[in-house]
Each structure stands twice: as C-alpha cells, then as structure tokens.
Amino acid sequence: MVSRDFSGEEIVKVLQNFGYRRARTRGDHVILKYTHPDTEEKRTVTVPLHDRVRTGTLQNIAEQCGANDFHPWCRWIDEHR
C-alpha cells in the first residue's frame, strides 16, 4: 500500500531536492517553481504547510507536478522524504 500521509514540509523538501525552487510563501502555502532543463517547460506548484496534506490536495499537487499517475507519484514522495 502506498503511503499518502505526508506533511507539506516533507513534500516541499522532496520537490526542492529535485530542482523545484521556493518562490514565495503566501500564508501557510509555499509556491514552488520549476523549469525543465531540456524543454524549458515551466511549472508552478502550491503546497500547503499542513501537518497532514489531504488526499485530494495531494492529487492536485501531483497534477501540478505533471504526474500522470497518482499512486506512483505518492510512492516517489514516500521514497525520497
């Protein structure tokens, strides 16, 4: 079973380790920016700094990251936190 029990800080940390940069904080949300090194495609990801991010919010974050499949994305976050 894939874990879906992540804090916002854990998600931010993993994404930063893979090239996302912290652009700003707005309230209790961190806005991260990413530019793909080969295609120059740009992504903006918003992560709430909650102790436990809800499943629906996790799905939105995965979509913003460009994930095609939610469960492997969660596994990837879990393996790298």
PDB file of N, CA and C in Angstrom:
ATOM      1  N   MET A   1       0.847  -1.185   0.000  1.00  0.00           N
ATOM      2  CA  MET A   1       0.000   0.000   0.000  1.00  0.00           C
ATOM      3  C   MET A   1       0.888   1.241   0.000  1.00  0.00           C
ATOM      4  N   VAL A   2       0.530   2.188  -0.803  1.00  0.00           N
ATOM      5  CA  VAL A   2       1.273   3.435  -0.920  1.00  0.00           C
ATOM      6  C   VAL A   2       0.857   4.380   0.196  1.00  0.00           C
ATOM      7  N   SER A   3       1.848   4.970   0.858  1.00  0.00           N
ATOM      8  CA  SER A   3       1.548   5.953   1.900  1.00  0.00           C
ATOM      9  C   SER A   3       1.048   7.233   1.268  1.00  0.00           C
ATOM     10  N   ARG A   4       0.056   7.831   1.906  1.00  0.00           N
ATOM     11  CA  ARG A   4      -0.435   9.135   1.481  1.00  0.00           C
ATOM     12  C   ARG A   4      -0.456  10.075   2.675  1.00  0.00           C
ATOM     13  N   ASP A   5       0.369   9.774   3.651  1.00  0.00           N
ATOM     14  CA  ASP A   5       0.404  10.549   4.878  1.00  0.00           C
ATOM     15  C   ASP A   5       1.674  11.410   4.877  1.00  0.00           C
ATOM     16  N   PHE A   6       1.586  12.565   4.219  1.00  0.00           N
ATOM     17  CA  PHE A   6       2.730  13.454   4.083  1.00  0.00           C
ATOM     18  C   PHE A   6       2.396  14.817   4.664  1.00  0.00           C
ATOM     19  N   SER A   7       3.411  15.456   5.253  1.00  0.00           N
ATOM     20  CA  SER A   7       3.240  16.842   5.672  1.00  0.00           C
ATOM     21  C   SER A   7       3.629  17.737   4.490  1.00  0.00           C
ATOM     22  N   GLY A   8       3.190  18.964   4.540  1.00  0.00           N
ATOM     23  CA  GLY A   8       3.551  19.914   3.495  1.00  0.00           C
ATOM     24  C   GLY A   8       5.050  20.127   3.425  1.00  0.00           C
ATOM     25  N   GLU A   9       5.709  20.210   4.577  1.00  0.00           N
ATOM     26  CA  GLU A   9       7.159  20.406   4.604  1.00  0.00           C
ATOM     27  C   GLU A   9       7.895  19.233   3.963  1.00  0.00           C
ATOM     28  N   GLU A  10       7.407  18.000   4.169  1.00  0.00           N
ATOM     29  CA  GLU A  10       8.032  16.833   3.544  1.00  0.00           C
ATOM     30  C   GLU A  10       7.940  16.925   2.026  1.00  0.00           C
ATOM     31  N   ILE A  11       6.780  17.318   1.534  1.00  0.00           N
ATOM     32  CA  ILE A  11       6.582  17.434   0.080  1.00  0.00           C
ATOM     33  C   ILE A  11       7.490  18.517  -0.481  1.00  0.00           C
ATOM     34  N   VAL A  12       7.538  19.664   0.183  1.00  0.00           N
ATOM     35  CA  VAL A  12       8.396  20.764  -0.263  1.00  0.00           C
ATOM     36  C   VAL A  12       9.851  20.312  -0.310  1.00  0.00           C
ATOM     37  N   LYS A  13      10.300  19.633   0.719  1.00  0.00           N
ATOM     38  CA  LYS A  13      11.694  19.172   0.790  1.00  0.00           C
ATOM     39  C   LYS A  13      12.030  18.249  -0.382  1.00  0.00           C
ATOM     40  N   VAL A  14      11.149  17.285  -0.663  1.00  0.00           N
ATOM     41  CA  VAL A  14      11.401  16.349  -1.772  1.00  0.00           C
ATOM     42  C   VAL A  14      11.442  17.100  -3.096  1.00  0.00           C
ATOM     43  N   LEU A  15      10.478  17.981  -3.320  1.00  0.00           N
ATOM     44  CA  LEU A  15      10.440  18.711  -4.590  1.00  0.00           C
ATOM     45  C   LEU A  15      11.673  19.596  -4.749  1.00  0.00           C
ATOM     46  N   GLN A  16      12.123  20.238  -3.667  1.00  0.00           N
ATOM     47  CA  GLN A  16      13.321  21.060  -3.751  1.00  0.00           C
ATOM     48  C   GLN A  16      14.553  20.218  -4.073  1.00  0.00           C
ATOM     49  N   ASN A  17      14.613  19.007  -3.553  1.00  0.00           N
ATOM     50  CA  ASN A  17      15.736  18.118  -3.858  1.00  0.00           C
ATOM     51  C   ASN A  17      15.773  17.727  -5.327  1.00  0.00           C
ATOM     52  N   PHE A  18      14.651  17.882  -6.032  1.00  0.00           N
ATOM     53  CA  PHE A  18      14.582  17.526  -7.446  1.00  0.00           C
ATOM     54  C   PHE A  18      14.440  18.741  -8.350  1.00  0.00           C
ATOM     55  N   GLY A  19      14.905  19.895  -7.867  1.00  0.00           N
ATOM     56  CA  GLY A  19      15.013  21.048  -8.750  1.00  0.00           C
ATOM     57  C   GLY A  19      13.939  22.109  -8.642  1.00  0.00           C
ATOM     58  N   TYR A  20      12.929  21.901  -7.817  1.00  0.00           N
ATOM     59  CA  TYR A  20      11.930  22.946  -7.614  1.00  0.00           C
ATOM     60  C   TYR A  20      12.540  23.983  -6.678  1.00  0.00           C
ATOM     61  N   ARG A  21      12.259  25.258  -6.929  1.00  0.00           N
ATOM     62  CA  ARG A  21      12.785  26.294  -6.040  1.00  0.00           C
ATOM     63  C   ARG A  21      11.629  27.007  -5.347  1.00  0.00           C
ATOM     64  N   ARG A  22      11.871  27.356  -4.119  1.00  0.00           N
ATOM     65  CA  ARG A  22      10.856  28.043  -3.314  1.00  0.00           C
ATOM     66  C   ARG A  22      10.772  29.481  -3.806  1.00  0.00           C
ATOM     67  N   ALA A  23       9.661  29.835  -4.429  1.00  0.00           N
ATOM     68  CA  ALA A  23       9.494  31.179  -4.978  1.00  0.00           C
ATOM     69  C   ALA A  23       9.010  32.151  -3.911  1.00  0.00           C
ATOM     70  N   ARG A  24       8.030  31.714  -3.125  1.00  0.00           N
ATOM     71  CA  ARG A  24       7.492  32.570  -2.063  1.00  0.00           C
ATOM     72  C   ARG A  24       6.584  31.756  -1.151  1.00  0.00           C
ATOM     73  N   THR A  25       6.236  32.365  -0.039  1.00  0.00           N
ATOM     74  CA  THR A  25       5.265  31.785   0.876  1.00  0.00           C
ATOM     75  C   THR A  25       4.102  32.752   0.954  1.00  0.00           C
ATOM     76  N   ARG A  26       2.913  32.206   0.869  1.00  0.00           N
ATOM     77  CA  ARG A  26       1.716  33.030   0.942  1.00  0.00           C
ATOM     78  C   ARG A  26       0.823  32.417   2.016  1.00  0.00           C
ATOM     79  N   GLY A  27       0.781  33.056   3.170  1.00  0.00           N
ATOM     80  CA  GLY A  27       0.040  32.484   4.286  1.00  0.00           C
ATOM     81  C   GLY A  27       0.705  31.187   4.710  1.00  0.00           C
ATOM     82  N   ASP A  28      -0.081  30.107   4.714  1.00  0.00           N
ATOM     83  CA  ASP A  28       0.503  28.810   5.073  1.00  0.00           C
ATOM     84  C   ASP A  28       0.717  27.930   3.845  1.00  0.00           C
ATOM     85  N   HIS A  29       0.956  28.566   2.689  1.00  0.00           N
ATOM     86  CA  HIS A  29       1.218  27.839   1.448  1.00  0.00           C
ATOM     87  C   HIS A  29       2.571  28.266   0.875  1.00  0.00           C
ATOM     88  N   VAL A  30       3.308  27.288   0.365  1.00  0.00           N
ATOM     89  CA  VAL A  30       4.574  27.553  -0.310  1.00  0.00           C
ATOM     90  C   VAL A  30       4.334  27.419  -1.803  1.00  0.00           C
ATOM     91  N   ILE A  31       4.810  28.384  -2.565  1.00  0.00           N
ATOM     92  CA  ILE A  31       4.721  28.337  -4.022  1.00  0.00           C
ATOM     93  C   ILE A  31       6.113  27.982  -4.530  1.00  0.00           C
ATOM     94  N   LEU A  32       6.179  26.880  -5.270  1.00  0.00           N
ATOM     95  CA  LEU A  32       7.429  26.390  -5.838  1.00  0.00           C
ATOM     96  C   LEU A  32       7.400  26.564  -7.348  1.00  0.00           C
ATOM     97  N   LYS A  33       8.541  26.844  -7.927  1.00  0.00           N
ATOM     98  CA  LYS A  33       8.672  26.989  -9.382  1.00  0.00           C
ATOM     99  C   LYS A  33       9.658  25.950  -9.891  1.00  0.00           C
ATOM    100  N   TYR A  34       9.417  25.498 -11.108  1.00  0.00           N
ATOM    101  CA  TYR A  34      10.297  24.523 -11.731  1.00  0.00           C
ATOM    102  C   TYR A  34      10.363  24.801 -13.224  1.00  0.00           C
ATOM    103  N   THR A  35      11.569  24.743 -13.782  1.00  0.00           N
ATOM    104  CA  THR A  35      11.765  24.842 -15.224  1.00  0.00           C
ATOM    105  C   THR A  35      12.507  23.588 -15.664  1.00  0.00           C
ATOM    106  N   HIS A  36      11.892  22.840 -16.575  1.00  0.00           N
ATOM    107  CA  HIS A  36      12.515  21.607 -17.065  1.00  0.00           C
ATOM    108  C   HIS A  36      13.789  21.974 -17.819  1.00  0.00           C
ATOM    109  N   PRO A  37      14.909  21.317 -17.486  1.00  0.00           N
ATOM    110  CA  PRO A  37      16.186  21.704 -18.088  1.00  0.00           C
ATOM    111  C   PRO A  37      16.279  21.473 -19.597  1.00  0.00           C
ATOM    112  N   ASP A  38      15.535  20.511 -20.130  1.00  0.00           N
ATOM    113  CA  ASP A  38      15.624  20.212 -21.562  1.00  0.00           C
ATOM    114  C   ASP A  38      14.572  20.939 -22.385  1.00  0.00           C
ATOM    115  N   THR A  39      13.341  20.955 -21.887  1.00  0.00           N
ATOM    116  CA  THR A  39      12.236  21.505 -22.681  1.00  0.00           C
ATOM    117  C   THR A  39      11.877  22.941 -22.315  1.00  0.00           C
ATOM    118  N   GLU A  40      12.449  23.446 -21.208  1.00  0.00           N
ATOM    119  CA  GLU A  40      12.137  24.789 -20.693  1.00  0.00           C
ATOM    120  C   GLU A  40      10.673  24.927 -20.246  1.00  0.00           C
ATOM    121  N   GLU A  41       9.954  23.793 -20.140  1.00  0.00           N
ATOM    122  CA  GLU A  41       8.581  23.824 -19.637  1.00  0.00           C
ATOM    123  C   GLU A  41       8.613  24.311 -18.188  1.00  0.00           C
ATOM    124  N   LYS A  42       7.698  25.231 -17.860  1.00  0.00           N
ATOM    125  CA  LYS A  42       7.646  25.801 -16.521  1.00  0.00           C
ATOM    126  C   LYS A  42       6.441  25.260 -15.764  1.00  0.00           C
ATOM    127  N   ARG A  43       6.641  25.020 -14.467  1.00  0.00           N
ATOM    128  CA  ARG A  43       5.565  24.543 -13.596  1.00  0.00           C
ATOM    129  C   ARG A  43       5.551  25.386 -12.333  1.00  0.00           C
ATOM    130  N   THR A  44       4.352  25.617 -11.837  1.00  0.00           N
ATOM    131  CA  THR A  44       4.162  26.262 -10.547  1.00  0.00           C
ATOM    132  C   THR A  44       3.353  25.313  -9.686  1.00  0.00           C
ATOM    133  N   VAL A  45       3.855  25.045  -8.495  1.00  0.00           N
ATOM    134  CA  VAL A  45       3.216  24.090  -7.584  1.00  0.00           C
ATOM    135  C   VAL A  45       2.974  24.798  -6.255  1.00  0.00           C
ATOM    136  N   THR A  46       1.756  24.659  -5.742  1.00  0.00           N
ATOM    137  CA  THR A  46       1.397  25.237  -4.452  1.00  0.00           C
ATOM    138  C   THR A  46       1.209  24.110  -3.449  1.00  0.00           C
ATOM    139  N   VAL A  47       1.914  24.214  -2.320  1.00  0.00           N
ATOM    140  CA  VAL A  47       1.867  23.172  -1.290  1.00  0.00           C
ATOM    141  C   VAL A  47       1.461  23.806   0.039  1.00  0.00           C
ATOM    142  N   PRO A  48       0.376  23.323   0.656  1.00  0.00           N
ATOM    143  CA  PRO A  48       0.005  23.840   1.976  1.00  0.00           C
ATOM    144  C   PRO A  48       0.936  23.274   3.039  1.00  0.00           C
ATOM    145  N   LEU A  49       1.289  24.096   4.002  1.00  0.00           N
ATOM    146  CA  LEU A  49       2.198  23.653   5.062  1.00  0.00           C
ATOM    147  C   LEU A  49       1.424  23.047   6.223  1.00  0.00           C
ATOM    148  N   HIS A  50       0.599  22.070   5.916  1.00  0.00           N
ATOM    149  CA  HIS A  50      -0.195  21.385   6.929  1.00  0.00           C
ATOM    150  C   HIS A  50       0.584  20.189   7.465  1.00  0.00           C
ATOM    151  N   ASP A  51       0.245  19.762   8.675  1.00  0.00           N
ATOM    152  CA  ASP A  51       0.890  18.580   9.258  1.00  0.00           C
ATOM    153  C   ASP A  51       0.586  17.331   8.446  1.00  0.00           C
ATOM    154  N   ARG A  52      -0.613  17.269   7.894  1.00  0.00           N
ATOM    155  CA  ARG A  52      -1.017  16.136   7.050  1.00  0.00           C
ATOM    156  C   ARG A  52      -1.829  16.690   5.891  1.00  0.00           C
ATOM    157  N   VAL A  53      -1.323  16.514   4.676  1.00  0.00           N
ATOM    158  CA  VAL A  53      -1.986  17.022   3.482  1.00  0.00           C
ATOM    159  C   VAL A  53      -3.041  16.017   3.055  1.00  0.00           C
ATOM    160  N   ARG A  54      -4.253  16.489   2.825  1.00  0.00           N
ATOM    161  CA  ARG A  54      -5.367  15.610   2.440  1.00  0.00           C
ATOM    162  C   ARG A  54      -5.151  14.992   1.064  1.00  0.00           C
ATOM    163  N   THR A  55      -5.812  13.865   0.837  1.00  0.00           N
ATOM    164  CA  THR A  55      -5.640  13.111  -0.407  1.00  0.00           C
ATOM    165  C   THR A  55      -5.995  13.940  -1.640  1.00  0.00           C
ATOM    166  N   GLY A  56      -7.098  14.648  -1.598  1.00  0.00           N
ATOM    167  CA  GLY A  56      -7.496  15.476  -2.741  1.00  0.00           C
ATOM    168  C   GLY A  56      -6.476  16.553  -3.048  1.00  0.00           C
ATOM    169  N   THR A  57      -5.918  17.147  -2.007  1.00  0.00           N
ATOM    170  CA  THR A  57      -4.880  18.160  -2.180  1.00  0.00           C
ATOM    171  C   THR A  57      -3.618  17.527  -2.745  1.00  0.00           C
ATOM    172  N   LEU A  58      -3.280  16.334  -2.261  1.00  0.00           N
ATOM    173  CA  LEU A  58      -2.128  15.606  -2.814  1.00  0.00           C
ATOM    174  C   LEU A  58      -2.314  15.348  -4.306  1.00  0.00           C
ATOM    175  N   GLN A  59      -3.514  14.979  -4.698  1.00  0.00           N
ATOM    176  CA  GLN A  59      -3.790  14.735  -6.113  1.00  0.00           C
ATOM    177  C   GLN A  59      -3.582  16.008  -6.928  1.00  0.00           C
ATOM    178  N   ASN A  60      -4.008  17.149  -6.392  1.00  0.00           N
ATOM    179  CA  ASN A  60      -3.808  18.424  -7.089  1.00  0.00           C
ATOM    180  C   ASN A  60      -2.323  18.757  -7.214  1.00  0.00           C
ATOM    181  N   ILE A  61      -1.561  18.511  -6.152  1.00  0.00           N
ATOM    182  CA  ILE A  61      -0.122  18.767  -6.190  1.00  0.00           C
ATOM    183  C   ILE A  61       0.542  17.869  -7.230  1.00  0.00           C
ATOM    184  N   ALA A  62       0.156  16.595  -7.261  1.00  0.00           N
ATOM    185  CA  ALA A  62       0.711  15.654  -8.242  1.00  0.00           C
ATOM    186  C   ALA A  62       0.420  16.135  -9.669  1.00  0.00           C
ATOM    187  N   GLU A  63      -0.793  16.611  -9.917  1.00  0.00           N
ATOM    188  CA  GLU A  63      -1.154  17.135 -11.243  1.00  0.00           C
ATOM    189  C   GLU A  63      -0.311  18.354 -11.592  1.00  0.00           C
ATOM    190  N   GLN A  64      -0.116  19.251 -10.613  1.00  0.00           N
ATOM    191  CA  GLN A  64       0.690  20.443 -10.855  1.00  0.00           C
ATOM    192  C   GLN A  64       2.134  20.069 -11.184  1.00  0.00           C
ATOM    193  N   CYS A  65       2.595  18.960 -10.624  1.00  0.00           N
ATOM    194  CA  CYS A  65       3.955  18.469 -10.894  1.00  0.00           C
ATOM    195  C   CYS A  65       4.050  17.752 -12.234  1.00  0.00           C
ATOM    196  N   GLY A  66       2.915  17.487 -12.861  1.00  0.00           N
ATOM    197  CA  GLY A  66       2.908  16.801 -14.150  1.00  0.00           C
ATOM    198  C   GLY A  66       2.856  15.295 -14.051  1.00  0.00           C
ATOM    199  N   ALA A  67       2.501  14.775 -12.882  1.00  0.00           N
ATOM    200  CA  ALA A  67       2.425  13.324 -12.698  1.00  0.00           C
ATOM    201  C   ALA A  67       1.261  12.752 -13.494  1.00  0.00           C
ATOM    202  N   ASN A  68       1.514  11.669 -14.180  1.00  0.00           N
ATOM    203  CA  ASN A  68       0.465  11.002 -14.950  1.00  0.00           C
ATOM    204  C   ASN A  68      -0.342  10.026 -14.114  1.00  0.00           C
ATOM    205  N   ASP A  69       0.257   9.532 -13.029  1.00  0.00           N
ATOM    206  CA  ASP A  69      -0.404   8.547 -12.190  1.00  0.00           C
ATOM    207  C   ASP A  69      -0.137   8.886 -10.728  1.00  0.00           C
ATOM    208  N   PHE A  70      -1.200   9.040  -9.963  1.00  0.00           N
ATOM    209  CA  PHE A  70      -1.124   9.496  -8.583  1.00  0.00           C
ATOM    210  C   PHE A  70      -0.356   8.532  -7.671  1.00  0.00           C
ATOM    211  N   HIS A  71      -0.643   7.251  -7.740  1.00  0.00           N
ATOM    212  CA  HIS A  71      -0.030   6.288  -6.817  1.00  0.00           C
ATOM    213  C   HIS A  71       1.491   6.192  -6.973  1.00  0.00           C
ATOM    214  N   PRO A  72       2.014   6.113  -8.188  1.00  0.00           N
ATOM    215  CA  PRO A  72       3.481   6.128  -8.317  1.00  0.00           C
ATOM    216  C   PRO A  72       4.091   7.446  -7.823  1.00  0.00           C
ATOM    217  N   TRP A  73       3.386   8.556  -8.004  1.00  0.00           N
ATOM    218  CA  TRP A  73       3.887   9.839  -7.505  1.00  0.00           C
ATOM    219  C   TRP A  73       3.979   9.804  -5.983  1.00  0.00           C
ATOM    220  N   CYS A  74       2.957   9.276  -5.316  1.00  0.00           N
ATOM    221  CA  CYS A  74       2.994   9.154  -3.858  1.00  0.00           C
ATOM    222  C   CYS A  74       4.137   8.246  -3.412  1.00  0.00           C
ATOM    223  N   ARG A  75       4.347   7.158  -4.134  1.00  0.00           N
ATOM    224  CA  ARG A  75       5.440   6.245  -3.819  1.00  0.00           C
ATOM    225  C   ARG A  75       6.778   6.980  -3.954  1.00  0.00           C
ATOM    226  N   TRP A  76       6.911   7.813  -5.000  1.00  0.00           N
ATOM    227  CA  TRP A  76       8.123   8.582  -5.230  1.00  0.00           C
ATOM    228  C   TRP A  76       8.371   9.559  -4.073  1.00  0.00           C
ATOM    229  N   ILE A  77       7.332  10.261  -3.634  1.00  0.00           N
ATOM    230  CA  ILE A  77       7.462  11.179  -2.497  1.00  0.00           C
ATOM    231  C   ILE A  77       7.865  10.384  -1.254  1.00  0.00           C
ATOM    232  N   ASP A  78       7.221   9.265  -1.027  1.00  0.00           N
ATOM    233  CA  ASP A  78       7.494   8.446   0.149  1.00  0.00           C
ATOM    234  C   ASP A  78       8.944   7.950   0.162  1.00  0.00           C
ATOM    235  N   GLU A  79       9.459   7.548  -0.993  1.00  0.00           N
ATOM    236  CA  GLU A  79      10.819   7.022  -1.077  1.00  0.00           C
ATOM    237  C   GLU A  79      11.887   8.096  -0.861  1.00  0.00           C
ATOM    238  N   HIS A  80      11.554   9.340  -1.136  1.00  0.00           N
ATOM    239  CA  HIS A  80      12.557  10.409  -1.091  1.00  0.00           C
ATOM    240  C   HIS A  80      12.406  11.362   0.091  1.00  0.00           C
ATOM    241  N   ARG A  81      11.455  11.115   0.964  1.00  0.00           N
ATOM    242  CA  ARG A  81      11.304  12.041   2.101  1.00  0.00           C
ATOM    243  C   ARG A  81      12.227  11.714   3.231  1.00  0.00           C
TER     244      ARG A  81
END
